[in-house]
Amino acid sequence: MSGSGKMLADLSQILLLTKNMQQKAQQQVWSELPILEQQRQEIIEIVFPIADNRASDEVRNMIQQIIDLNRQLESTCQQEKQDIQIQLQSFNHNKKATAAYRAT
């Protein structure tokens, strides 16, 4: 496989892993994200930085798709983090109220 062919194959794999990560996040299967991220990171370290400044339009397009999906993934994770923080605050509030009730 030529250098550019290998790069496209690697970028395709990164794109697929990123899509899988986004699906797992939407399904709230959080335990699988670190495994997929590790697999993706290993390929990213092979591909980047791209030595050829004259990357084809196909390479640029794939990289943009990866970036866009990654932004969606980050947004999904941020939303879940905020939801968990709200739940934790509510839990702590209820815990304090229970403790105050029991103290009386």
N, C-alpha and C. Protein backbone atom coordinates (compact mmCIF):
# COMPACT_ATOMS: atom_id res chain seq x y z
N MET A 1 0.85 -1.18 0.00
CA MET A 1 0.00 0.00 0.00
C MET A 1 0.90 1.24 0.00
N SER A 2 0.56 2.19 -0.83
CA SER A 2 1.37 3.41 -0.92
C SER A 2 1.20 4.24 0.34
N GLY A 3 2.09 5.22 0.50
CA GLY A 3 2.04 6.08 1.68
C GLY A 3 0.71 6.80 1.82
N SER A 4 0.21 7.35 0.71
CA SER A 4 -1.07 8.06 0.78
C SER A 4 -2.22 7.09 0.98
N GLY A 5 -2.11 5.88 0.42
CA GLY A 5 -3.15 4.87 0.62
C GLY A 5 -3.22 4.45 2.06
N LYS A 6 -2.06 4.28 2.70
CA LYS A 6 -2.00 3.92 4.13
C LYS A 6 -2.58 5.04 4.98
N MET A 7 -2.25 6.28 4.62
CA MET A 7 -2.77 7.43 5.36
C MET A 7 -4.29 7.46 5.28
N LEU A 8 -4.85 7.25 4.09
CA LEU A 8 -6.30 7.25 3.93
C LEU A 8 -6.94 6.12 4.73
N ALA A 9 -6.29 4.95 4.72
CA ALA A 9 -6.81 3.82 5.49
C ALA A 9 -6.79 4.14 6.99
N ASP A 10 -5.70 4.74 7.45
CA ASP A 10 -5.60 5.12 8.86
C ASP A 10 -6.62 6.19 9.22
N LEU A 11 -6.79 7.18 8.35
CA LEU A 11 -7.79 8.22 8.61
C LEU A 11 -9.20 7.63 8.61
N SER A 12 -9.45 6.68 7.74
CA SER A 12 -10.75 6.01 7.72
C SER A 12 -11.00 5.29 9.04
N GLN A 13 -9.95 4.66 9.56
CA GLN A 13 -10.07 3.95 10.83
C GLN A 13 -10.31 4.94 11.98
N ILE A 14 -9.62 6.07 11.95
CA ILE A 14 -9.83 7.11 12.98
C ILE A 14 -11.27 7.61 12.90
N LEU A 15 -11.75 7.84 11.69
CA LEU A 15 -13.12 8.31 11.49
C LEU A 15 -14.12 7.29 12.02
N LEU A 16 -13.91 6.03 11.71
CA LEU A 16 -14.80 4.96 12.19
C LEU A 16 -14.80 4.88 13.72
N LEU A 17 -13.62 4.94 14.32
CA LEU A 17 -13.52 4.90 15.78
C LEU A 17 -14.22 6.11 16.41
N THR A 18 -14.08 7.27 15.80
CA THR A 18 -14.72 8.49 16.31
C THR A 18 -16.24 8.36 16.22
N LYS A 19 -16.73 7.80 15.11
CA LYS A 19 -18.17 7.56 14.98
C LYS A 19 -18.65 6.59 16.05
N ASN A 20 -17.89 5.53 16.27
CA ASN A 20 -18.25 4.56 17.32
C ASN A 20 -18.27 5.22 18.69
N MET A 21 -17.30 6.08 18.95
CA MET A 21 -17.26 6.78 20.23
C MET A 21 -18.49 7.66 20.40
N GLN A 22 -18.87 8.36 19.35
CA GLN A 22 -20.05 9.23 19.40
C GLN A 22 -21.31 8.39 19.65
N GLN A 23 -21.42 7.25 18.99
CA GLN A 23 -22.58 6.37 19.20
C GLN A 23 -22.62 5.87 20.65
N LYS A 24 -21.48 5.45 21.16
CA LYS A 24 -21.43 4.96 22.55
C LYS A 24 -21.80 6.08 23.52
N ALA A 25 -21.36 7.28 23.25
CA ALA A 25 -21.70 8.41 24.13
C ALA A 25 -23.20 8.69 24.08
N GLN A 26 -23.78 8.66 22.89
CA GLN A 26 -25.22 8.89 22.77
C GLN A 26 -26.02 7.79 23.47
N GLN A 27 -25.48 6.56 23.46
CA GLN A 27 -26.13 5.44 24.13
C GLN A 27 -25.77 5.38 25.62
N GLN A 28 -24.90 6.28 26.04
CA GLN A 28 -24.42 6.37 27.41
C GLN A 28 -23.70 5.09 27.85
N VAL A 29 -22.94 4.53 26.94
CA VAL A 29 -22.10 3.36 27.25
C VAL A 29 -20.70 3.90 27.50
N TRP A 30 -20.56 4.60 28.62
CA TRP A 30 -19.34 5.34 28.92
C TRP A 30 -18.14 4.44 29.13
N SER A 31 -18.34 3.25 29.59
CA SER A 31 -17.22 2.35 29.90
C SER A 31 -16.42 1.95 28.66
N GLU A 32 -17.02 2.05 27.49
CA GLU A 32 -16.33 1.66 26.26
C GLU A 32 -15.53 2.81 25.63
N LEU A 33 -15.81 4.03 26.05
CA LEU A 33 -15.11 5.18 25.46
C LEU A 33 -13.59 5.16 25.66
N PRO A 34 -13.10 4.85 26.86
CA PRO A 34 -11.63 4.84 27.02
C PRO A 34 -10.94 3.81 26.13
N ILE A 35 -11.57 2.68 25.92
CA ILE A 35 -10.98 1.65 25.06
C ILE A 35 -10.90 2.14 23.62
N LEU A 36 -12.00 2.71 23.14
CA LEU A 36 -12.02 3.23 21.77
C LEU A 36 -11.06 4.41 21.62
N GLU A 37 -11.00 5.25 22.65
CA GLU A 37 -10.09 6.41 22.60
C GLU A 37 -8.64 5.95 22.52
N GLN A 38 -8.28 4.92 23.26
CA GLN A 38 -6.92 4.41 23.23
C GLN A 38 -6.58 3.87 21.84
N GLN A 39 -7.50 3.13 21.24
CA GLN A 39 -7.29 2.61 19.89
C GLN A 39 -7.12 3.75 18.89
N ARG A 40 -7.98 4.75 19.03
CA ARG A 40 -7.92 5.91 18.13
C ARG A 40 -6.63 6.68 18.31
N GLN A 41 -6.21 6.87 19.55
CA GLN A 41 -4.99 7.63 19.83
C GLN A 41 -3.77 6.97 19.23
N GLU A 42 -3.71 5.65 19.29
CA GLU A 42 -2.57 4.92 18.71
C GLU A 42 -2.46 5.19 17.21
N ILE A 43 -3.58 5.22 16.52
CA ILE A 43 -3.55 5.48 15.08
C ILE A 43 -3.23 6.96 14.81
N ILE A 44 -3.79 7.84 15.62
CA ILE A 44 -3.51 9.28 15.45
C ILE A 44 -2.01 9.55 15.56
N GLU A 45 -1.36 8.89 16.51
CA GLU A 45 0.08 9.09 16.70
C GLU A 45 0.89 8.60 15.50
N ILE A 46 0.36 7.65 14.76
CA ILE A 46 1.03 7.16 13.56
C ILE A 46 0.84 8.16 12.41
N VAL A 47 -0.37 8.69 12.28
CA VAL A 47 -0.73 9.53 11.13
C VAL A 47 -0.21 10.97 11.26
N PHE A 48 -0.30 11.53 12.45
CA PHE A 48 0.02 12.95 12.62
C PHE A 48 1.38 13.14 13.26
N PRO A 49 2.06 14.21 12.92
CA PRO A 49 1.68 15.22 11.94
C PRO A 49 1.84 14.69 10.52
N ILE A 50 1.01 15.20 9.65
CA ILE A 50 1.08 14.82 8.24
C ILE A 50 2.24 15.59 7.62
N ALA A 51 3.22 14.85 7.15
CA ALA A 51 4.44 15.45 6.63
C ALA A 51 4.20 16.19 5.32
N ASP A 52 3.29 15.69 4.52
CA ASP A 52 3.04 16.28 3.21
C ASP A 52 2.09 17.45 3.34
N ASN A 53 2.59 18.65 3.12
CA ASN A 53 1.76 19.84 3.21
C ASN A 53 0.76 19.93 2.06
N ARG A 54 0.93 19.06 1.11
CA ARG A 54 0.04 19.07 -0.05
C ARG A 54 -0.97 17.92 0.06
N ALA A 55 -1.58 17.78 1.21
CA ALA A 55 -2.55 16.71 1.43
C ALA A 55 -3.69 16.86 0.43
N SER A 56 -4.16 15.73 -0.06
CA SER A 56 -5.23 15.74 -1.05
C SER A 56 -6.52 16.26 -0.44
N ASP A 57 -7.44 16.62 -1.31
CA ASP A 57 -8.75 17.07 -0.84
C ASP A 57 -9.45 15.97 -0.04
N GLU A 58 -9.23 14.72 -0.44
CA GLU A 58 -9.84 13.61 0.27
C GLU A 58 -9.32 13.52 1.70
N VAL A 59 -8.01 13.72 1.87
CA VAL A 59 -7.41 13.71 3.20
C VAL A 59 -7.96 14.87 4.02
N ARG A 60 -8.00 16.04 3.44
CA ARG A 60 -8.53 17.22 4.15
C ARG A 60 -9.99 17.00 4.56
N ASN A 61 -10.77 16.43 3.65
CA ASN A 61 -12.18 16.16 3.93
C ASN A 61 -12.33 15.19 5.10
N MET A 62 -11.54 14.13 5.10
CA MET A 62 -11.62 13.15 6.18
C MET A 62 -11.21 13.77 7.51
N ILE A 63 -10.17 14.57 7.49
CA ILE A 63 -9.73 15.23 8.72
C ILE A 63 -10.82 16.16 9.24
N GLN A 64 -11.48 16.88 8.34
CA GLN A 64 -12.57 17.77 8.76
C GLN A 64 -13.72 16.98 9.35
N GLN A 65 -14.05 15.84 8.77
CA GLN A 65 -15.11 14.99 9.31
C GLN A 65 -14.75 14.51 10.72
N ILE A 66 -13.49 14.13 10.89
CA ILE A 66 -13.02 13.68 12.22
C ILE A 66 -13.15 14.82 13.23
N ILE A 67 -12.74 16.01 12.83
CA ILE A 67 -12.82 17.17 13.72
C ILE A 67 -14.27 17.46 14.09
N ASP A 68 -15.16 17.44 13.10
CA ASP A 68 -16.57 17.73 13.35
C ASP A 68 -17.19 16.70 14.29
N LEU A 69 -16.91 15.43 14.04
CA LEU A 69 -17.43 14.37 14.91
C LEU A 69 -16.86 14.48 16.32
N ASN A 70 -15.59 14.82 16.40
CA ASN A 70 -14.96 14.96 17.71
C ASN A 70 -15.60 16.10 18.50
N ARG A 71 -15.94 17.18 17.82
CA ARG A 71 -16.62 18.30 18.48
C ARG A 71 -17.98 17.86 19.01
N GLN A 72 -18.71 17.07 18.21
CA GLN A 72 -20.01 16.55 18.65
C GLN A 72 -19.83 15.65 19.88
N LEU A 73 -18.80 14.82 19.82
CA LEU A 73 -18.52 13.92 20.94
C LEU A 73 -18.20 14.72 22.20
N GLU A 74 -17.37 15.73 22.07
CA GLU A 74 -17.04 16.58 23.22
C GLU A 74 -18.29 17.25 23.78
N SER A 75 -19.17 17.70 22.90
CA SER A 75 -20.40 18.35 23.34
C SER A 75 -21.29 17.36 24.09
N THR A 76 -21.41 16.15 23.58
CA THR A 76 -22.20 15.11 24.25
C THR A 76 -21.63 14.82 25.63
N CYS A 77 -20.32 14.70 25.71
CA CYS A 77 -19.67 14.41 27.00
C CYS A 77 -19.84 15.58 27.97
N GLN A 78 -19.71 16.79 27.49
CA GLN A 78 -19.89 17.97 28.35
C GLN A 78 -21.30 18.03 28.90
N GLN A 79 -22.29 17.74 28.05
CA GLN A 79 -23.68 17.75 28.50
C GLN A 79 -23.91 16.70 29.59
N GLU A 80 -23.35 15.52 29.38
CA GLU A 80 -23.49 14.47 30.39
C GLU A 80 -22.81 14.87 31.69
N LYS A 81 -21.65 15.50 31.59
CA LYS A 81 -20.94 15.96 32.78
C LYS A 81 -21.80 16.96 33.55
N GLN A 82 -22.41 17.89 32.84
CA GLN A 82 -23.28 18.87 33.49
C GLN A 82 -24.48 18.19 34.14
N ASP A 83 -25.06 17.22 33.47
CA ASP A 83 -26.20 16.49 34.04
C ASP A 83 -25.80 15.78 35.33
N ILE A 84 -24.63 15.17 35.32
CA ILE A 84 -24.14 14.46 36.50
C ILE A 84 -23.88 15.44 37.65
N GLN A 85 -23.32 16.61 37.32
CA GLN A 85 -23.06 17.61 38.35
C GLN A 85 -24.37 18.07 39.00
N ILE A 86 -25.39 18.25 38.18
CA ILE A 86 -26.70 18.67 38.70
C ILE A 86 -27.26 17.58 39.62
N GLN A 87 -27.16 16.33 39.19
CA GLN A 87 -27.65 15.22 40.01
C GLN A 87 -26.88 15.13 41.32
N LEU A 88 -25.58 15.34 41.26
CA LEU A 88 -24.74 15.28 42.46
C LEU A 88 -25.11 16.41 43.42
N GLN A 89 -25.33 17.60 42.90
CA GLN A 89 -25.73 18.72 43.75
C GLN A 89 -27.06 18.43 44.42
N SER A 90 -27.99 17.87 43.66
CA SER A 90 -29.29 17.51 44.22
C SER A 90 -29.14 16.45 45.31
N PHE A 91 -28.31 15.46 45.03
CA PHE A 91 -28.05 14.41 46.01
C PHE A 91 -27.47 14.99 47.29
N ASN A 92 -26.47 15.86 47.14
CA ASN A 92 -25.83 16.48 48.31
C ASN A 92 -26.82 17.34 49.09
N HIS A 93 -27.69 18.04 48.37
CA HIS A 93 -28.71 18.86 49.03
C HIS A 93 -29.66 17.98 49.84
N ASN A 94 -30.09 16.88 49.21
CA ASN A 94 -31.00 15.95 49.90
C ASN A 94 -30.31 15.29 51.09
N LYS A 95 -29.05 15.00 50.95
CA LYS A 95 -28.28 14.39 52.03
C LYS A 95 -28.20 15.34 53.23
N LYS A 96 -27.95 16.63 52.95
CA LYS A 96 -27.88 17.62 54.03
C LYS A 96 -29.24 17.79 54.70
N ALA A 97 -30.30 17.78 53.89
CA ALA A 97 -31.64 17.93 54.46
C ALA A 97 -31.97 16.73 55.34
N THR A 98 -31.62 15.55 54.91
CA THR A 98 -31.85 14.34 55.71
C THR A 98 -31.05 14.40 57.00
N ALA A 99 -29.80 14.81 56.91
CA ALA A 99 -28.96 14.90 58.10
C ALA A 99 -29.52 15.93 59.08
N ALA A 100 -30.01 17.06 58.57
CA ALA A 100 -30.59 18.09 59.43
C ALA A 100 -31.86 17.57 60.09
N TYR A 101 -32.66 16.84 59.34
CA TYR A 101 -33.90 16.27 59.90
C TYR A 101 -33.60 15.28 61.01
N ARG A 102 -32.60 14.43 60.80
CA ARG A 102 -32.25 13.43 61.78
C ARG A 102 -31.61 14.05 63.03
N ALA A 103 -31.00 15.20 62.86
CA ALA A 103 -30.34 15.87 63.98
C ALA A 103 -31.34 16.51 64.92
N THR A 104 -32.57 16.72 64.43
CA THR A 104 -33.56 17.38 65.29
C THR A 104 -34.33 16.41 66.15
